C-alpha atoms as a PDB file:
ATOM      1  CA  MET A   1      11.773   2.948  -7.113  1.00  0.00           C
ATOM      2  CA  ARG A   2       8.003   3.477  -7.560  1.00  0.00           C
ATOM      3  CA  VAL A   3       5.351   2.815  -4.858  1.00  0.00           C
ATOM      4  CA  ASN A   4       1.394   3.269  -4.958  1.00  0.00           C
ATOM      5  CA  ALA A   5      -1.622   1.561  -3.641  1.00  0.00           C
ATOM      6  CA  ILE A   6      -4.980   0.290  -4.934  1.00  0.00           C
ATOM      7  CA  ALA A   7      -7.571   0.331  -2.802  1.00  0.00           C
ATOM      8  CA  PRO A   8     -10.744  -0.802  -4.041  1.00  0.00           C
ATOM      9  CA  GLY A   9     -14.549  -0.501  -2.669  1.00  0.00           C
ATOM     10  CA  VAL A  10     -16.207  -3.364  -2.292  1.00  0.00           C
ATOM     11  CA  VAL A  11     -15.464  -5.916  -4.819  1.00  0.00           C
ATOM     12  CA  GLU A  12     -17.419  -9.451  -5.577  1.00  0.00           C
ATOM     13  CA  THR A  13     -14.854 -12.190  -4.983  1.00  0.00           C
ATOM     14  CA  PRO A  14     -15.536 -15.673  -3.057  1.00  0.00           C
ATOM     15  CA  LEU A  15     -13.951 -14.277  -0.363  1.00  0.00           C
ATOM     16  CA  THR A  16     -16.870 -11.810  -0.202  1.00  0.00           C
ATOM     17  CA  ALA A  17     -19.737 -14.679  -0.793  1.00  0.00           C
ATOM     18  CA  GLN A  18     -20.887 -14.754   2.631  1.00  0.00           C
ATOM     19  CA  ILE A  19     -21.628 -11.172   2.843  1.00  0.00           C
ATOM     20  CA  LYS A  20     -23.151 -11.326  -0.639  1.00  0.00           C
ATOM     21  CA  ASP A  21     -25.496 -14.056  -0.016  1.00  0.00           C
ATOM     22  CA  ASN A  22     -27.021 -11.549   3.058  1.00  0.00           C
ATOM     23  CA  PRO A  23     -29.049  -9.460   1.739  1.00  0.00           C
ATOM     24  CA  GLY A  24     -29.060  -7.599   4.389  1.00  0.00           C
ATOM     25  CA  TRP A  25     -25.154  -6.998   4.783  1.00  0.00           C
ATOM     26  CA  TYR A  26     -24.651  -7.024   0.989  1.00  0.00           C
ATOM     27  CA  ASP A  27     -26.880  -3.840   0.844  1.00  0.00           C
ATOM     28  CA  ALA A  28     -25.188  -2.122   3.935  1.00  0.00           C
ATOM     29  CA  TYR A  29     -21.848  -2.191   2.173  1.00  0.00           C
ATOM     30  CA  ALA A  30     -23.580  -1.597  -1.404  1.00  0.00           C
ATOM     31  CA  ALA A  31     -24.399   1.661   0.400  1.00  0.00           C
ATOM     32  CA  LYS A  32     -21.123   2.654   1.810  1.00  0.00           C
ATOM     33  CA  SER A  33     -19.721   2.334  -1.958  1.00  0.00           C
ATOM     34  CA  ALA A  34     -19.742   5.480  -4.541  1.00  0.00           C
ATOM     35  CA  LEU A  35     -21.990   4.267  -6.590  1.00  0.00           C
ATOM     36  CA  GLY A  36     -23.758   2.569  -4.307  1.00  0.00           C
ATOM     37  CA  ARG A  37     -22.936  -1.277  -5.836  1.00  0.00           C
ATOM     38  CA  TRP A  38     -20.229  -3.995  -5.291  1.00  0.00           C
ATOM     39  CA  SER A  39     -17.878  -3.936  -8.207  1.00  0.00           C
ATOM     40  CA  SER A  40     -15.988  -6.774 -10.138  1.00  0.00           C
ATOM     41  CA  PRO A  41     -12.361  -7.304 -10.249  1.00  0.00           C
ATOM     42  CA  SER A  42     -12.131  -6.766 -13.699  1.00  0.00           C
ATOM     43  CA  GLU A  43     -13.299  -3.404 -12.743  1.00  0.00           C
ATOM     44  CA  LEU A  44      -9.834  -3.128 -10.848  1.00  0.00           C
ATOM     45  CA  ALA A  45      -8.161  -3.915 -14.121  1.00  0.00           C
ATOM     46  CA  GLY A  46      -8.462   0.147 -15.340  1.00  0.00           C
ATOM     47  CA  ALA A  47      -6.468   1.367 -12.113  1.00  0.00           C
ATOM     48  CA  VAL A  48      -3.774  -1.486 -12.636  1.00  0.00           C
ATOM     49  CA  VAL A  49      -3.068  -0.924 -15.619  1.00  0.00           C
ATOM     50  CA  TYR A  50      -2.481   2.882 -15.004  1.00  0.00           C
ATOM     51  CA  LEU A  51      -0.256   2.170 -12.524  1.00  0.00           C
ATOM     52  CA  ALA A  52       1.382  -0.253 -14.350  1.00  0.00           C
ATOM     53  CA  SER A  53       2.083   2.119 -17.529  1.00  0.00           C
ATOM     54  CA  ASP A  54       4.083   4.317 -18.746  1.00  0.00           C
ATOM     55  CA  ALA A  55       1.273   6.963 -18.457  1.00  0.00           C
ATOM     56  CA  SER A  56       2.033   6.997 -14.448  1.00  0.00           C
ATOM     57  CA  THR A  57       5.728   7.415 -14.682  1.00  0.00           C
ATOM     58  CA  PHE A  58       6.153  10.555 -12.344  1.00  0.00           C
ATOM     59  CA  VAL A  59       3.535   9.186  -9.721  1.00  0.00           C
ATOM     60  CA  THR A  60       4.808   7.829  -5.988  1.00  0.00           C
ATOM     61  CA  GLY A  61       3.445   7.309  -3.439  1.00  0.00           C
ATOM     62  CA  SER A  62      -0.097   7.633  -3.842  1.00  0.00           C
ATOM     63  CA  VAL A  63      -3.225   5.338  -3.371  1.00  0.00           C
ATOM     64  CA  LEU A  64      -6.218   4.837  -5.604  1.00  0.00           C
ATOM     65  CA  ALA A  65      -9.629   4.885  -4.486  1.00  0.00           C
ATOM     66  CA  VAL A  66     -11.634   3.055  -6.730  1.00  0.00           C
ATOM     67  CA  GLY A  67     -15.150   2.970  -5.955  1.00  0.00           C
ATOM     68  CA  ARG A  68     -14.888   3.861  -2.614  1.00  0.00           C
ATOM     69  CA  ARG A  69     -15.895   6.889  -0.627  1.00  0.00           C
ATOM     70  CA  LEU A  70     -14.025   8.597   1.557  1.00  0.00           C
ATOM     71  CA  ASP A  71     -15.523  10.129   4.474  1.00  0.00           C
ATOM     72  CA  GLY A  72     -15.210  12.562   7.025  1.00  0.00           C
ATOM     73  CA  ARG A  73     -14.393  10.236   9.874  1.00  0.00           C
ATOM     74  CA  ARG A  74     -11.745   7.499   7.593  1.00  0.00           C
ATOM     75  CA  ARG A  75      -9.916  10.767   6.778  1.00  0.00           C
ATOM     76  CA  ALA A  76     -10.009  11.702  10.175  1.00  0.00           C
ATOM     77  CA  VAL A  77      -8.647   8.591  11.964  1.00  0.00           C
ATOM     78  CA  HIS A  78      -6.185   8.359   8.569  1.00  0.00           C
ATOM     79  CA  ALA A  79      -4.558  11.704   9.513  1.00  0.00           C
ATOM     80  CA  ALA A  80      -4.476  11.316  13.537  1.00  0.00           C
ATOM     81  CA  VAL A  81      -2.426   7.561  12.315  1.00  0.00           C
ATOM     82  CA  LEU A  82      -0.087   9.614  10.352  1.00  0.00           C
ATOM     83  CA  SER A  83       0.165  12.185  12.777  1.00  0.00           C
ATOM     84  CA  ASP A  84       1.103   9.963  15.449  1.00  0.00           C
ATOM     85  CA  ARG A  85       3.773   7.528  13.343  1.00  0.00           C
ATOM     86  CA  VAL A  86       5.323  10.806  12.102  1.00  0.00           C
ATOM     87  CA  GLY A  87       5.583  12.643  15.425  1.00  0.00           C
ATOM     88  CA  ARG A  88       7.075   9.315  16.571  1.00  0.00           C
ATOM     89  CA  VAL A  89       9.371   9.174  13.990  1.00  0.00           C
ATOM     90  CA  ARG A  90      10.745  12.345  14.364  1.00  0.00           C
ATOM     91  CA  GLY A  91      10.189  12.871  18.147  1.00  0.00           C
ATOM     92  CA  VAL A  92       8.149  15.349  18.330  1.00  0.00           C
ATOM     93  CA  ASP A  93       6.469  13.948  21.218  1.00  0.00           C
ATOM     94  CA  GLY A  94       9.051  15.489  23.225  1.00  0.00           C
ATOM     95  CA  GLY A  95      11.616  11.860  23.343  1.00  0.00           C
ATOM     96  CA  PRO A  96      13.895  11.059  20.970  1.00  0.00           C
ATOM     97  CA  GLY A  97      13.085  10.336  17.328  1.00  0.00           C
ATOM     98  CA  ARG A  98      12.200   6.174  17.093  1.00  0.00           C
ATOM     99  CA  ARG A  99      10.186   4.195  14.535  1.00  0.00           C
ATOM    100  CA  PRO A 100       6.726   3.697  14.232  1.00  0.00           C
END
């Protein structure tokens, strides 16, 4: 079994319409994306097709960032959360291993 995910940046959808309608918010979100703009759902299709195709048969446990800028702060937070979860599972915290 293979498990992969897509982590898109900001995407123009009906759920983001309220943010899109406010120029200040729209620009702030766009500035945080890798390309400095919002994406459309159709721009995520290539990543979906790739992960669903035979071209990715040896890809598993991956998160494919699409139009998303990963900064050091976000990586540090993810690393800290992962480290905490791994520690609890393996019992590194001194106690018996337990599931997160």
